[in-house]
Amino acid sequence: FFGCNHFVLANQWLEQRGETPIDWMPVLPAESE
């Protein structure tokens, strides 16, 4: 799953069309106890 580059390819496709690439690793808020 992680080695197939589909995230990279999706961002390249977006950039070719003048769109903003997607941040696939968003920072999640820390869980409160």
Foldseek 3Di string as FASTA:
>chain_A
DVPPCPLVVVQVVQVVVVHHRDDPDDDDDDDDD
